[in-house]
Amino acid sequence: LRKLNAGDYAGAADEFLRWNKAGGKVLNGLTRRREAERALFLS
């Protein structure tokens, strides 16, 4: 949120990719979802 408020949209979009874990494990489905959300955010 700090990056977004500072106008760093690319940096904020990159933070989406950090949220791809559940139960401490990386989930492929969440990774794909976050990549899609990042692309939508940047469009």
PDB file of N, CA and C in Angstrom:
ATOM      1  N   LEU A   1       0.830  -1.193   0.000  1.00  0.00           N
ATOM      2  CA  LEU A   1       0.000   0.000   0.000  1.00  0.00           C
ATOM      3  C   LEU A   1       0.874   1.257   0.000  1.00  0.00           C
ATOM      4  N   ARG A   2       2.021   1.183   0.654  1.00  0.00           N
ATOM      5  CA  ARG A   2       2.919   2.345   0.667  1.00  0.00           C
ATOM      6  C   ARG A   2       3.408   2.671  -0.734  1.00  0.00           C
ATOM      7  N   LYS A   3       3.742   1.642  -1.499  1.00  0.00           N
ATOM      8  CA  LYS A   3       4.226   1.874  -2.862  1.00  0.00           C
ATOM      9  C   LYS A   3       3.119   2.468  -3.722  1.00  0.00           C
ATOM     10  N   LEU A   4       1.917   1.967  -3.556  1.00  0.00           N
ATOM     11  CA  LEU A   4       0.784   2.476  -4.322  1.00  0.00           C
ATOM     12  C   LEU A   4       0.532   3.942  -3.976  1.00  0.00           C
ATOM     13  N   ASN A   5       0.527   4.263  -2.701  1.00  0.00           N
ATOM     14  CA  ASN A   5       0.310   5.646  -2.274  1.00  0.00           C
ATOM     15  C   ASN A   5       1.423   6.570  -2.737  1.00  0.00           C
ATOM     16  N   ALA A   6       2.629   6.030  -2.914  1.00  0.00           N
ATOM     17  CA  ALA A   6       3.758   6.830  -3.379  1.00  0.00           C
ATOM     18  C   ALA A   6       3.767   6.973  -4.896  1.00  0.00           C
ATOM     19  N   GLY A   7       2.824   6.317  -5.581  1.00  0.00           N
ATOM     20  CA  GLY A   7       2.750   6.409  -7.031  1.00  0.00           C
ATOM     21  C   GLY A   7       3.608   5.390  -7.755  1.00  0.00           C
ATOM     22  N   ASP A   8       4.175   4.441  -7.022  1.00  0.00           N
ATOM     23  CA  ASP A   8       5.018   3.393  -7.617  1.00  0.00           C
ATOM     24  C   ASP A   8       4.130   2.211  -7.997  1.00  0.00           C
ATOM     25  N   TYR A   9       3.450   2.342  -9.132  1.00  0.00           N
ATOM     26  CA  TYR A   9       2.493   1.318  -9.534  1.00  0.00           C
ATOM     27  C   TYR A   9       3.168   0.006  -9.909  1.00  0.00           C
ATOM     28  N   ALA A  10       4.309   0.073 -10.576  1.00  0.00           N
ATOM     29  CA  ALA A  10       5.021  -1.157 -10.939  1.00  0.00           C
ATOM     30  C   ALA A  10       5.507  -1.873  -9.683  1.00  0.00           C
ATOM     31  N   GLY A  11       6.019  -1.127  -8.730  1.00  0.00           N
ATOM     32  CA  GLY A  11       6.471  -1.729  -7.473  1.00  0.00           C
ATOM     33  C   GLY A  11       5.325  -2.344  -6.698  1.00  0.00           C
ATOM     34  N   ALA A  12       4.184  -1.662  -6.699  1.00  0.00           N
ATOM     35  CA  ALA A  12       3.008  -2.206  -6.020  1.00  0.00           C
ATOM     36  C   ALA A  12       2.543  -3.484  -6.708  1.00  0.00           C
ATOM     37  N   ALA A  13       2.583  -3.499  -8.027  1.00  0.00           N
ATOM     38  CA  ALA A  13       2.165  -4.690  -8.769  1.00  0.00           C
ATOM     39  C   ALA A  13       3.088  -5.863  -8.473  1.00  0.00           C
ATOM     40  N   ASP A  14       4.378  -5.597  -8.311  1.00  0.00           N
ATOM     41  CA  ASP A  14       5.322  -6.670  -8.001  1.00  0.00           C
ATOM     42  C   ASP A  14       5.034  -7.303  -6.643  1.00  0.00           C
ATOM     43  N   GLU A  15       4.444  -6.549  -5.732  1.00  0.00           N
ATOM     44  CA  GLU A  15       4.123  -7.086  -4.410  1.00  0.00           C
ATOM     45  C   GLU A  15       3.020  -8.145  -4.474  1.00  0.00           C
ATOM     46  N   PHE A  16       2.190  -8.121  -5.511  1.00  0.00           N
ATOM     47  CA  PHE A  16       1.159  -9.156  -5.660  1.00  0.00           C
ATOM     48  C   PHE A  16       1.786 -10.545  -5.665  1.00  0.00           C
ATOM     49  N   LEU A  17       2.967 -10.649  -6.281  1.00  0.00           N
ATOM     50  CA  LEU A  17       3.611 -11.948  -6.462  1.00  0.00           C
ATOM     51  C   LEU A  17       4.085 -12.554  -5.146  1.00  0.00           C
ATOM     52  N   ARG A  18       4.188 -11.759  -4.096  1.00  0.00           N
ATOM     53  CA  ARG A  18       4.615 -12.271  -2.793  1.00  0.00           C
ATOM     54  C   ARG A  18       3.526 -13.105  -2.126  1.00  0.00           C
ATOM     55  N   TRP A  19       2.281 -12.892  -2.477  1.00  0.00           N
ATOM     56  CA  TRP A  19       1.160 -13.516  -1.783  1.00  0.00           C
ATOM     57  C   TRP A  19       0.702 -14.773  -2.516  1.00  0.00           C
ATOM     58  N   ASN A  20       1.594 -15.764  -2.580  1.00  0.00           N
ATOM     59  CA  ASN A  20       1.288 -16.997  -3.303  1.00  0.00           C
ATOM     60  C   ASN A  20       1.426 -18.231  -2.418  1.00  0.00           C
ATOM     61  N   LYS A  21       1.318 -18.043  -1.110  1.00  0.00           N
ATOM     62  CA  LYS A  21       1.500 -19.155  -0.179  1.00  0.00           C
ATOM     63  C   LYS A  21       0.247 -19.381   0.656  1.00  0.00           C
ATOM     64  N   ALA A  22       0.039 -20.642   1.012  1.00  0.00           N
ATOM     65  CA  ALA A  22      -1.017 -21.026   1.945  1.00  0.00           C
ATOM     66  C   ALA A  22      -0.427 -22.109   2.834  1.00  0.00           C
ATOM     67  N   GLY A  23      -0.542 -21.934   4.122  1.00  0.00           N
ATOM     68  CA  GLY A  23       0.046 -22.895   5.041  1.00  0.00           C
ATOM     69  C   GLY A  23       1.559 -22.939   4.940  1.00  0.00           C
ATOM     70  N   GLY A  24       2.179 -21.835   4.513  1.00  0.00           N
ATOM     71  CA  GLY A  24       3.623 -21.764   4.392  1.00  0.00           C
ATOM     72  C   GLY A  24       4.187 -22.384   3.134  1.00  0.00           C
ATOM     73  N   LYS A  25       3.329 -22.874   2.257  1.00  0.00           N
ATOM     74  CA  LYS A  25       3.788 -23.526   1.029  1.00  0.00           C
ATOM     75  C   LYS A  25       3.324 -22.742  -0.192  1.00  0.00           C
ATOM     76  N   VAL A  26       4.190 -22.686  -1.192  1.00  0.00           N
ATOM     77  CA  VAL A  26       3.853 -22.021  -2.452  1.00  0.00           C
ATOM     78  C   VAL A  26       2.850 -22.890  -3.204  1.00  0.00           C
ATOM     79  N   LEU A  27       1.758 -22.278  -3.636  1.00  0.00           N
ATOM     80  CA  LEU A  27       0.741 -22.986  -4.411  1.00  0.00           C
ATOM     81  C   LEU A  27       0.767 -22.478  -5.849  1.00  0.00           C
ATOM     82  N   ASN A  28       0.852 -23.404  -6.793  1.00  0.00           N
ATOM     83  CA  ASN A  28       0.909 -23.020  -8.206  1.00  0.00           C
ATOM     84  C   ASN A  28      -0.325 -22.241  -8.630  1.00  0.00           C
ATOM     85  N   GLY A  29      -1.489 -22.619  -8.124  1.00  0.00           N
ATOM     86  CA  GLY A  29      -2.722 -21.916  -8.467  1.00  0.00           C
ATOM     87  C   GLY A  29      -2.693 -20.468  -8.002  1.00  0.00           C
ATOM     88  N   LEU A  30      -2.180 -20.242  -6.795  1.00  0.00           N
ATOM     89  CA  LEU A  30      -2.083 -18.870  -6.293  1.00  0.00           C
ATOM     90  C   LEU A  30      -1.042 -18.074  -7.068  1.00  0.00           C
ATOM     91  N   THR A  31       0.027 -18.730  -7.477  1.00  0.00           N
ATOM     92  CA  THR A  31       1.049 -18.051  -8.277  1.00  0.00           C
ATOM     93  C   THR A  31       0.450 -17.578  -9.593  1.00  0.00           C
ATOM     94  N   ARG A  32      -0.297 -18.449 -10.263  1.00  0.00           N
ATOM     95  CA  ARG A  32      -0.941 -18.062 -11.528  1.00  0.00           C
ATOM     96  C   ARG A  32      -1.954 -16.950 -11.307  1.00  0.00           C
ATOM     97  N   ARG A  33      -2.718 -17.036 -10.237  1.00  0.00           N
ATOM     98  CA  ARG A  33      -3.728 -16.016  -9.948  1.00  0.00           C
ATOM     99  C   ARG A  33      -3.072 -14.662  -9.703  1.00  0.00           C
ATOM    100  N   ARG A  34      -2.005 -14.645  -8.922  1.00  0.00           N
ATOM    101  CA  ARG A  34      -1.322 -13.377  -8.627  1.00  0.00           C
ATOM    102  C   ARG A  34      -0.697 -12.779  -9.881  1.00  0.00           C
ATOM    103  N   GLU A  35      -0.174 -13.615 -10.776  1.00  0.00           N
ATOM    104  CA  GLU A  35       0.373 -13.102 -12.036  1.00  0.00           C
ATOM    105  C   GLU A  35      -0.730 -12.476 -12.879  1.00  0.00           C
ATOM    106  N   ALA A  36      -1.903 -13.106 -12.891  1.00  0.00           N
ATOM    107  CA  ALA A  36      -3.035 -12.558 -13.645  1.00  0.00           C
ATOM    108  C   ALA A  36      -3.513 -11.252 -13.013  1.00  0.00           C
ATOM    109  N   GLU A  37      -3.570 -11.209 -11.677  1.00  0.00           N
ATOM    110  CA  GLU A  37      -3.987  -9.986 -10.993  1.00  0.00           C
ATOM    111  C   GLU A  37      -2.996  -8.849 -11.250  1.00  0.00           C
ATOM    112  N   ARG A  38      -1.712  -9.177 -11.271  1.00  0.00           N
ATOM    113  CA  ARG A  38      -0.681  -8.175 -11.545  1.00  0.00           C
ATOM    114  C   ARG A  38      -0.851  -7.604 -12.947  1.00  0.00           C
ATOM    115  N   ALA A  39      -1.076  -8.484 -13.918  1.00  0.00           N
ATOM    116  CA  ALA A  39      -1.255  -8.034 -15.301  1.00  0.00           C
ATOM    117  C   ALA A  39      -2.489  -7.142 -15.425  1.00  0.00           C
ATOM    118  N   LEU A  40      -3.564  -7.518 -14.759  1.00  0.00           N
ATOM    119  CA  LEU A  40      -4.789  -6.717 -14.797  1.00  0.00           C
ATOM    120  C   LEU A  40      -4.559  -5.356 -14.137  1.00  0.00           C
ATOM    121  N   PHE A  41      -3.857  -5.344 -13.026  1.00  0.00           N
ATOM    122  CA  PHE A  41      -3.569  -4.101 -12.313  1.00  0.00           C
ATOM    123  C   PHE A  41      -2.763  -3.138 -13.180  1.00  0.00           C
ATOM    124  N   LEU A  42      -1.818  -3.680 -13.946  1.00  0.00           N
ATOM    125  CA  LEU A  42      -0.952  -2.839 -14.773  1.00  0.00           C
ATOM    126  C   LEU A  42      -1.596  -2.427 -16.096  1.00  0.00           C
ATOM    127  N   SER A  43      -2.728  -3.018 -16.439  1.00  0.00           N
ATOM    128  CA  SER A  43      -3.355  -2.691 -17.727  1.00  0.00           C
ATOM    129  C   SER A  43      -4.247  -1.466 -17.628  1.00  0.00           C
TER     130      SER A  43
END
